[in-house]
C-alpha atoms as a PDB file:
ATOM      1  CA  MET A   1     -20.678  11.832   6.585  1.00  0.00           C
ATOM      2  CA  SER A   2     -23.111   9.308   5.135  1.00  0.00           C
ATOM      3  CA  VAL A   3     -23.665  11.558   2.103  1.00  0.00           C
ATOM      4  CA  ALA A   4     -19.926  11.499   1.395  1.00  0.00           C
ATOM      5  CA  ALA A   5     -19.834   7.729   1.945  1.00  0.00           C
ATOM      6  CA  VAL A   6     -22.565   7.276  -0.679  1.00  0.00           C
ATOM      7  CA  ALA A   7     -21.317   9.953  -3.095  1.00  0.00           C
ATOM      8  CA  PHE A   8     -17.807   8.482  -3.331  1.00  0.00           C
ATOM      9  CA  PRO A   9     -18.674   5.046  -4.780  1.00  0.00           C
ATOM     10  CA  ALA A  10     -21.459   6.511  -6.929  1.00  0.00           C
ATOM     11  CA  ALA A  11     -19.135   9.074  -8.507  1.00  0.00           C
ATOM     12  CA  LEU A  12     -16.392   6.478  -8.868  1.00  0.00           C
ATOM     13  CA  PHE A  13     -18.838   4.210 -10.722  1.00  0.00           C
ATOM     14  CA  VAL A  14     -19.839   7.085 -13.007  1.00  0.00           C
ATOM     15  CA  PHE A  15     -16.150   7.752 -13.685  1.00  0.00           C
ATOM     16  CA  ALA A  16     -15.480   4.089 -14.454  1.00  0.00           C
ATOM     17  CA  MET A  17     -18.361   3.869 -16.925  1.00  0.00           C
ATOM     18  CA  SER A  18     -17.867   7.268 -18.547  1.00  0.00           C
ATOM     19  CA  THR A  19     -16.640   7.698 -22.098  1.00  0.00           C
ATOM     20  CA  SER A  20     -16.888  11.495 -21.973  1.00  0.00           C
ATOM     21  CA  TYR A  21     -13.961  13.620 -20.806  1.00  0.00           C
ATOM     22  CA  ALA A  22     -16.240  16.259 -19.251  1.00  0.00           C
ATOM     23  CA  LEU A  23     -18.298  13.682 -17.364  1.00  0.00           C
ATOM     24  CA  SER A  24     -15.130  11.970 -16.133  1.00  0.00           C
ATOM     25  CA  LEU A  25     -13.729  15.275 -14.916  1.00  0.00           C
ATOM     26  CA  GLY A  26     -16.949  16.099 -13.082  1.00  0.00           C
ATOM     27  CA  ALA A  27     -17.087  12.664 -11.493  1.00  0.00           C
ATOM     28  CA  LEU A  28     -13.504  12.992 -10.262  1.00  0.00           C
ATOM     29  CA  VAL A  29     -14.303  16.377  -8.725  1.00  0.00           C
ATOM     30  CA  VAL A  30     -17.181  14.754  -6.826  1.00  0.00           C
ATOM     31  CA  VAL A  31     -14.877  11.889  -5.762  1.00  0.00           C
ATOM     32  CA  GLY A  32     -12.330  14.370  -4.417  1.00  0.00           C
ATOM     33  CA  VAL A  33     -14.905  16.401  -2.510  1.00  0.00           C
ATOM     34  CA  ALA A  34     -16.434  13.231  -1.053  1.00  0.00           C
ATOM     35  CA  VAL A  35     -13.067  11.865   0.114  1.00  0.00           C
ATOM     36  CA  VAL A  36     -12.014  15.129   1.738  1.00  0.00           C
ATOM     37  CA  SER A  37     -15.424  15.535   3.395  1.00  0.00           C
ATOM     38  CA  PHE A  38     -15.458  11.987   4.704  1.00  0.00           C
ATOM     39  CA  LEU A  39     -11.935  12.142   6.125  1.00  0.00           C
ATOM     40  CA  ALA A  40     -12.487  15.533   7.769  1.00  0.00           C
ATOM     41  CA  LEU A  41     -15.742  14.399   9.354  1.00  0.00           C
ATOM     42  CA  ALA A  42     -14.240  11.076  10.470  1.00  0.00           C
ATOM     43  CA  ASN A  43     -11.332  12.844  12.169  1.00  0.00           C
ATOM     44  CA  SER A  44     -13.685  15.326  13.829  1.00  0.00           C
ATOM     45  CA  SER A  45     -16.004  12.563  15.028  1.00  0.00           C
ATOM     46  CA  ILE A  46     -13.151  10.601  16.571  1.00  0.00           C
ATOM     47  CA  GLN A  47     -11.813  13.687  18.326  1.00  0.00           C
ATOM     48  CA  LEU A  48     -15.240  14.634  19.674  1.00  0.00           C
ATOM     49  CA  MET A  49     -15.960  11.138  21.027  1.00  0.00           C
ATOM     50  CA  THR A  50     -12.557  10.708  22.688  1.00  0.00           C
ATOM     51  CA  PRO A  51     -11.951  11.932  26.261  1.00  0.00           C
ATOM     52  CA  ASP A  52      -9.538  14.870  26.515  1.00  0.00           C
ATOM     53  CA  GLY A  53      -6.806  12.864  28.247  1.00  0.00           C
ATOM     54  CA  MET A  54      -6.789  10.151  25.569  1.00  0.00           C
ATOM     55  CA  ARG A  55      -7.214  12.254  22.435  1.00  0.00           C
ATOM     56  CA  GLY A  56      -3.547  12.324  21.407  1.00  0.00           C
ATOM     57  CA  ARG A  57      -3.107   8.587  21.889  1.00  0.00           C
ATOM     58  CA  VAL A  58      -6.296   7.711  20.055  1.00  0.00           C
ATOM     59  CA  MET A  59      -5.443   9.955  17.115  1.00  0.00           C
ATOM     60  CA  SER A  60      -1.917   8.533  16.913  1.00  0.00           C
ATOM     61  CA  VAL A  61      -3.275   4.978  16.775  1.00  0.00           C
ATOM     62  CA  TYR A  62      -5.932   6.005  14.237  1.00  0.00           C
ATOM     63  CA  THR A  63      -3.354   7.711  12.020  1.00  0.00           C
ATOM     64  CA  THR A  64      -0.899   4.824  12.302  1.00  0.00           C
ATOM     65  CA  VAL A  65      -3.545   2.266  11.360  1.00  0.00           C
ATOM     66  CA  PHE A  66      -4.990   4.452   8.587  1.00  0.00           C
ATOM     67  CA  LEU A  67      -1.639   5.200   6.958  1.00  0.00           C
ATOM     68  CA  GLY A  68      -0.081   1.836   7.815  1.00  0.00           C
ATOM     69  CA  MET A  69      -2.794  -0.165   6.074  1.00  0.00           C
ATOM     70  CA  MET A  70      -2.512   1.738   2.787  1.00  0.00           C
ATOM     71  CA  PRO A  71       0.401  -0.364   1.451  1.00  0.00           C
ATOM     72  CA  VAL A  72      -1.527  -3.531   2.286  1.00  0.00           C
ATOM     73  CA  GLY A  73      -4.610  -2.291   0.456  1.00  0.00           C
ATOM     74  CA  HIS A  74      -2.568  -1.094  -2.494  1.00  0.00           C
ATOM     75  CA  SER A  75      -0.848  -4.474  -2.766  1.00  0.00           C
ATOM     76  CA  ILE A  76      -4.177  -6.294  -2.739  1.00  0.00           C
ATOM     77  CA  MET A  77      -5.715  -3.938  -5.306  1.00  0.00           C
ATOM     78  CA  GLY A  78      -2.639  -4.192  -7.536  1.00  0.00           C
ATOM     79  CA  THR A  79      -2.831  -7.974  -7.454  1.00  0.00           C
ATOM     80  CA  LEU A  80      -6.545  -7.915  -8.273  1.00  0.00           C
ATOM     81  CA  ALA A  81      -6.075  -5.381 -11.072  1.00  0.00           C
ATOM     82  CA  SER A  82      -3.362  -7.419 -12.764  1.00  0.00           C
ATOM     83  CA  ALA A  83      -5.317 -10.682 -12.552  1.00  0.00           C
END
């Protein structure tokens, strides 16, 4: 999981600084693989650490917080990008 957490910002930085189409495409492939890997491993880790009787509740709270905070983050990033 730590490899994906390091690969994502590194590849995103390469994408941001790239002037080559091929390099940008490769960086975005790495970004996609890193995001999918990180999310899959995070979900698995949470499920493995949670007791059986609480797993459904914990995952529902995790999903609600994860998806519910996206509009907040998008609003903040949109404001920063337009500044």
